[in-house]
Protein backbone atom coordinates (compact mmCIF):
# COMPACT_ATOMS: atom_id res chain seq x y z
CA MET A 1 -73.61 19.12 44.28
CA ASN A 2 -72.24 17.81 41.00
CA LEU A 3 -68.48 17.24 41.31
CA LYS A 4 -67.95 15.39 38.02
CA VAL A 5 -65.86 17.40 35.53
CA ARG A 6 -66.91 16.63 31.94
CA LYS A 7 -66.19 19.91 30.14
CA ALA A 8 -63.14 22.04 29.35
CA VAL A 9 -62.73 25.62 28.16
CA ILE A 10 -59.61 26.59 26.19
CA PRO A 11 -59.21 30.32 25.36
CA VAL A 12 -57.17 30.76 22.17
CA ALA A 13 -58.26 34.16 20.86
CA GLY A 14 -54.95 36.06 21.08
CA TYR A 15 -52.93 37.46 18.20
CA GLY A 16 -49.63 35.78 19.13
CA THR A 17 -47.59 38.93 18.55
CA ARG A 18 -44.37 37.42 19.94
CA PHE A 19 -44.40 34.92 17.07
CA LEU A 20 -44.91 37.36 14.22
CA PRO A 21 -44.58 37.09 11.28
CA PHE A 22 -45.66 33.40 11.56
CA THR A 23 -48.85 34.38 13.38
CA LYS A 24 -49.81 36.84 10.67
CA ALA A 25 -51.41 33.93 8.82
CA VAL A 26 -51.57 31.10 11.38
CA PRO A 27 -52.93 31.25 14.96
CA LYS A 28 -50.28 30.71 17.63
CA PRO A 29 -52.01 27.58 19.08
CA MET A 30 -51.23 25.90 15.75
CA LEU A 31 -47.47 26.14 16.36
CA PRO A 32 -46.27 22.55 15.99
CA ILE A 33 -44.70 20.39 18.66
CA LEU A 34 -43.00 17.96 16.32
CA ASN A 35 -45.88 17.09 13.95
CA LYS A 36 -48.84 18.08 16.16
CA PRO A 37 -50.23 21.56 16.77
CA ALA A 38 -49.83 22.67 20.39
CA LEU A 39 -53.61 22.94 20.60
CA GLN A 40 -53.99 19.24 19.81
CA VAL A 41 -51.42 18.36 22.47
CA ILE A 42 -53.43 20.39 25.01
CA SER A 43 -56.68 18.79 23.82
CA GLU A 44 -55.18 15.33 24.26
CA GLU A 45 -54.32 16.26 27.85
CA VAL A 46 -58.01 17.06 28.33
CA VAL A 47 -59.32 13.90 26.67
CA ASN A 48 -56.84 11.65 28.49
CA SER A 49 -58.20 13.10 31.75
CA GLY A 50 -61.72 11.85 31.01
CA ILE A 51 -63.28 15.04 29.61
CA THR A 52 -65.62 14.64 26.65
CA ASP A 53 -66.61 18.21 25.70
CA ILE A 54 -64.24 21.06 24.75
CA LEU A 55 -65.06 24.70 24.04
CA PHE A 56 -62.49 26.79 22.20
CA ILE A 57 -62.77 30.55 22.73
CA VAL A 58 -61.51 31.69 19.34
CA GLY A 59 -60.70 34.90 17.54
CA TYR A 60 -58.17 35.70 14.85
CA LYS A 61 -57.99 33.16 12.00
CA LYS A 62 -60.46 30.89 13.79
CA GLU A 63 -61.20 28.94 10.60
CA ILE A 64 -57.71 27.41 10.69
CA LEU A 65 -58.32 26.03 14.19
CA GLU A 66 -61.70 24.68 13.19
CA SER A 67 -60.38 22.98 10.06
CA HIS A 68 -57.80 21.01 12.04
CA PHE A 69 -60.52 19.37 14.16
CA ASP A 70 -62.87 18.88 11.18
CA ALA A 71 -62.93 16.27 8.42
CA ALA A 72 -60.63 16.58 5.40
CA PRO A 73 -62.34 14.29 2.86
CA GLU A 74 -59.95 14.87 -0.04
CA LEU A 75 -56.83 14.30 2.06
CA GLU A 76 -58.36 11.29 3.80
CA LYS A 77 -59.35 9.71 0.48
CA MET A 78 -55.84 10.22 -0.91
CA LEU A 79 -54.25 8.57 2.12
CA ALA A 80 -56.73 5.69 2.03
CA ASP A 81 -56.22 5.13 -1.72
CA LYS A 82 -52.45 5.02 -1.27
CA GLY A 83 -52.66 2.69 1.72
CA LYS A 84 -51.05 5.18 4.08
CA THR A 85 -53.05 3.95 7.05
CA ASP A 86 -50.76 5.30 9.76
CA TYR A 87 -51.02 8.83 8.39
CA LEU A 88 -54.77 8.40 7.91
CA LYS A 89 -55.25 7.49 11.58
CA GLU A 90 -53.32 10.59 12.63
CA VAL A 91 -55.42 12.82 10.35
CA VAL A 92 -58.78 11.35 11.38
CA TYR A 93 -58.13 11.22 15.14
CA PRO A 94 -58.65 14.95 15.93
CA GLU A 95 -62.12 14.81 14.35
CA HIS A 96 -63.38 12.29 16.90
CA MET A 97 -61.30 12.86 20.03
CA ALA A 98 -63.97 15.05 21.71
CA ASN A 99 -67.15 17.03 21.15
CA PHE A 100 -65.88 20.44 20.01
CA THR A 101 -67.69 23.77 20.27
CA TYR A 102 -66.43 27.20 19.19
CA LYS A 103 -67.26 30.63 20.57
CA VAL A 104 -65.86 33.87 19.13
CA GLN A 105 -64.44 36.49 21.49
CA GLU A 106 -65.36 39.62 19.55
CA VAL A 107 -63.57 42.02 21.90
CA GLN A 108 -60.37 40.99 23.68
CA ASN A 109 -60.87 42.73 27.00
CA GLY A 110 -59.39 40.23 29.39
CA THR A 111 -59.15 36.58 30.32
CA ALA A 112 -62.21 36.71 32.59
CA SER A 113 -64.30 37.98 29.69
CA ALA A 114 -63.09 35.06 27.58
CA ILE A 115 -64.05 32.55 30.29
CA ASN A 116 -67.44 34.21 30.73
CA LEU A 117 -68.32 33.30 27.13
CA ALA A 118 -68.44 29.67 28.29
CA LYS A 119 -71.39 30.15 30.65
CA GLU A 120 -74.00 28.56 28.37
CA PHE A 121 -71.63 25.75 27.36
CA VAL A 122 -70.83 24.92 30.99
CA GLY A 123 -74.49 24.87 32.02
CA GLY A 124 -73.99 25.00 35.78
CA GLU A 125 -71.36 22.25 35.95
CA PRO A 126 -67.78 22.40 37.21
CA PHE A 127 -65.31 22.76 34.35
CA ALA A 128 -61.63 22.78 33.46
CA VAL A 129 -59.80 25.81 32.08
CA LEU A 130 -56.60 25.43 30.08
CA PHE A 131 -54.79 28.39 28.56
CA GLY A 132 -53.31 27.81 25.12
CA ASP A 133 -49.89 29.28 25.99
CA ASP A 134 -49.19 26.41 28.38
CA VAL A 135 -48.35 22.87 27.30
CA MET A 136 -47.96 20.37 30.13
CA TYR A 137 -46.29 16.98 30.14
CA ASN A 138 -46.75 14.14 32.59
CA GLU A 139 -46.15 10.57 31.52
CA THR A 140 -48.68 8.93 33.85
CA ARG A 141 -51.50 11.31 34.84
CA PRO A 142 -52.18 14.45 32.77
CA VAL A 143 -51.88 17.70 34.72
CA ILE A 144 -55.52 18.75 34.28
CA GLY A 145 -56.50 15.25 35.37
CA GLN A 146 -54.58 15.77 38.61
CA LEU A 147 -56.54 18.98 39.24
CA ILE A 148 -59.81 17.18 38.50
CA ASP A 149 -58.91 14.57 41.13
CA VAL A 150 -58.41 17.34 43.71
CA TYR A 151 -61.63 19.12 42.74
CA GLU A 152 -63.71 15.96 42.91
CA LYS A 153 -62.31 15.26 46.39
CA TYR A 154 -62.80 18.74 47.93
CA GLY A 155 -65.49 20.36 45.75
CA LYS A 156 -63.66 23.68 45.48
CA THR A 157 -62.05 25.62 42.64
CA VAL A 158 -58.46 24.43 42.09
CA LEU A 159 -55.51 26.41 40.73
CA GLY A 160 -52.66 24.39 39.21
CA CYS A 161 -49.43 25.84 40.59
CA LYS A 162 -45.68 25.46 40.61
CA ARG A 163 -43.10 26.94 42.96
CA VAL A 164 -41.04 29.61 41.21
CA SER A 165 -38.07 31.68 42.31
CA MET A 166 -39.04 34.81 44.22
CA ASP A 167 -36.70 36.66 41.87
CA VAL A 168 -39.20 36.08 39.05
CA ILE A 169 -42.50 35.97 40.98
CA SER A 170 -43.40 39.40 39.58
CA LYS A 171 -43.80 37.76 36.15
CA TYR A 172 -46.54 35.50 37.51
CA ALA A 173 -49.28 35.60 40.14
CA SER A 174 -48.66 34.65 43.76
CA VAL A 175 -51.00 32.52 45.90
CA GLU A 176 -51.43 33.05 49.63
CA TYR A 177 -52.71 30.24 51.86
CA ASP A 178 -53.48 29.62 55.54
CA LYS A 179 -53.07 25.85 55.82
CA ILE A 180 -51.86 22.71 54.06
CA LEU A 181 -54.69 20.21 53.58
CA GLU A 182 -52.44 17.41 52.33
CA GLU A 183 -49.21 17.11 50.40
CA ASN A 184 -49.23 19.69 47.58
CA VAL A 185 -52.79 20.90 48.39
CA TYR A 186 -53.10 24.33 50.02
CA ASN A 187 -56.16 26.20 51.29
CA MET A 188 -55.94 29.42 49.32
CA THR A 189 -56.85 32.79 50.84
CA LYS A 190 -55.72 35.20 48.11
CA VAL A 191 -54.01 35.43 44.73
CA THR A 192 -52.26 38.55 43.46
CA GLU A 193 -51.38 39.12 39.81
CA LYS A 194 -47.72 40.03 39.19
CA PRO A 195 -46.83 41.23 42.69
CA LYS A 196 -43.59 43.01 43.46
CA LYS A 197 -40.96 40.64 44.85
CA GLU A 198 -40.99 42.33 48.26
CA GLU A 199 -44.80 42.14 48.45
CA ALA A 200 -45.31 38.52 47.36
CA LYS A 201 -46.33 36.25 50.25
CA SER A 202 -45.45 32.90 48.65
CA ASP A 203 -43.62 31.31 45.74
CA LEU A 204 -46.73 29.42 44.57
CA ALA A 205 -47.59 30.62 41.06
CA PRO A 206 -50.66 29.51 39.06
CA LEU A 207 -49.61 28.27 35.62
CA GLY A 208 -52.42 27.91 33.13
CA ARG A 209 -54.49 25.02 34.54
CA TYR A 210 -57.67 25.42 36.61
CA VAL A 211 -60.80 23.54 37.59
CA CYS A 212 -63.61 25.94 38.50
CA SER A 213 -66.95 25.67 40.19
CA PRO A 214 -69.77 27.28 38.17
CA GLU A 215 -69.94 29.99 40.86
CA ILE A 216 -67.09 31.68 39.01
CA PHE A 217 -69.56 33.09 36.47
CA ARG A 218 -71.49 35.04 39.11
CA ILE A 219 -68.23 36.54 40.27
CA ILE A 220 -67.11 37.45 36.73
CA ASP A 221 -70.49 39.10 36.07
CA ASN A 222 -69.79 41.48 38.96
CA LEU A 223 -66.06 41.91 38.33
CA LYS A 224 -64.51 45.35 37.98
CA PRO A 225 -61.81 46.07 35.39
CA GLY A 226 -58.28 45.49 36.62
CA ALA A 227 -54.86 45.78 34.98
CA ASN A 228 -54.92 47.46 31.55
CA ASN A 229 -58.61 48.16 32.15
CA GLU A 230 -59.32 44.49 31.39
CA TYR A 231 -61.34 41.87 33.25
CA GLN A 232 -58.74 39.52 34.71
CA PHE A 233 -59.41 35.86 35.50
CA THR A 234 -56.92 36.09 38.39
CA ASP A 235 -59.13 38.72 40.04
CA ALA A 236 -62.14 36.40 39.78
CA LEU A 237 -60.12 33.55 41.33
CA ASP A 238 -59.08 35.85 44.16
CA LEU A 239 -62.73 36.68 44.88
CA ILE A 240 -63.88 33.06 44.77
CA ALA A 241 -61.15 32.15 47.27
CA ARG A 242 -62.56 34.77 49.63
CA SER A 243 -66.17 33.67 49.19
CA GLU A 244 -66.71 29.94 48.73
CA GLY A 245 -63.03 28.99 48.98
CA ALA A 246 -60.39 27.71 46.56
CA LEU A 247 -57.33 25.46 46.58
CA ALA A 248 -53.81 25.72 45.22
CA TYR A 249 -52.40 22.43 43.99
CA VAL A 250 -48.73 21.92 43.11
CA PHE A 251 -49.02 19.66 40.10
CA ASP A 252 -46.59 16.98 38.98
CA GLY A 253 -45.44 17.73 35.46
CA THR A 254 -43.32 19.84 33.14
CA ARG A 255 -44.69 23.12 31.80
CA TYR A 256 -43.68 24.62 28.47
CA ASP A 257 -44.42 28.30 27.87
CA MET A 258 -45.61 28.34 24.27
CA GLY A 259 -45.96 32.11 24.39
CA ASP A 260 -42.17 32.40 24.52
CA ARG A 261 -39.80 31.44 21.71
CA PHE A 262 -37.38 29.69 24.06
CA GLY A 263 -40.22 27.79 25.74
CA TYR A 264 -41.42 26.69 22.32
CA LEU A 265 -37.91 25.52 21.41
CA LYS A 266 -37.58 23.58 24.69
CA ALA A 267 -40.90 21.83 24.04
CA ASN A 268 -39.79 20.59 20.64
CA ILE A 269 -36.39 19.42 21.88
CA GLU A 270 -37.79 17.56 24.89
CA TYR A 271 -40.69 16.02 22.99
CA GLY A 272 -38.14 14.98 20.36
CA LEU A 273 -36.06 13.29 23.05
CA ARG A 274 -39.16 11.28 24.06
CA ASP A 275 -39.99 10.25 20.49
CA ALA A 276 -38.98 6.65 19.71
CA GLU A 277 -38.02 7.47 16.12
CA LEU A 278 -36.18 10.72 16.81
CA LYS A 279 -34.58 10.42 20.24
CA ASP A 280 -31.33 8.62 19.32
CA LYS A 281 -30.65 10.83 16.30
CA LEU A 282 -31.46 13.97 18.27
CA LYS A 283 -29.23 12.98 21.20
CA GLU A 284 -26.32 12.34 18.85
CA TYR A 285 -26.88 15.63 17.06
CA LEU A 286 -27.01 17.57 20.34
CA LYS A 287 -23.79 15.92 21.55
CA GLU A 288 -22.05 16.84 18.31
CA LEU A 289 -23.38 20.39 18.46
CA ILE A 290 -22.23 20.94 22.06
CA ALA A 291 -18.80 19.46 21.30
CA GLU A 292 -18.12 21.99 18.54
């Protein structure tokens, strides 16, 4: 059984309605965190975890996504001619950071349907899944890399989770488990999408990072429509837990919800506070702002 994870799938086909009117012309994954699109930040998480091949499941305004990870000869020549080597390195880097493939999701009928478009790309190997609404930060080991470590140890599908308040569990999914295999690793028995507070069995919520065995495609092929008459990835994960088994892993890292305006604002503030050039000026500005 091949346990090496070399490929990642990133679904980014949504319309980004909560960020209209910006997303009328620009896909939501291109929202900047400082000077980088969120999608590049997510892709760097993938690459820094040892993955070499990335598939974007694209939709609306896909050409803008593609152009960011493609060459820009005119811009590159201008930067080179003017000796702006630092900017040139930043512009060229996305072109070579990974092997990129694009697949169009013609009909948006659920997250499982989006993942199923990756079957040929995956080719029977285990693979990572990262949803574009979630940006993760860990200074030492990227979050998807942590999940890869768990998958390569146990050989089972892994859901990246955090503990959330039971008062808000109905906004997420809730994982059930029957035993703790080691610190932060749980043997999962079930996952329920957006359960009522009184019905949720745990505070473990999956948050946008997964490593899946290729068996997930057989399950998706036989999946029945769920909420909103769509094919939900959570339902497929629930079924794989009941068949070949799956794990819930409480990852070490900070998650930013890029599908929410406040989450987006938090990401930019906290990344700014980590930036060597910006942090001192930003701290001083925030102190002055709070003091008013």
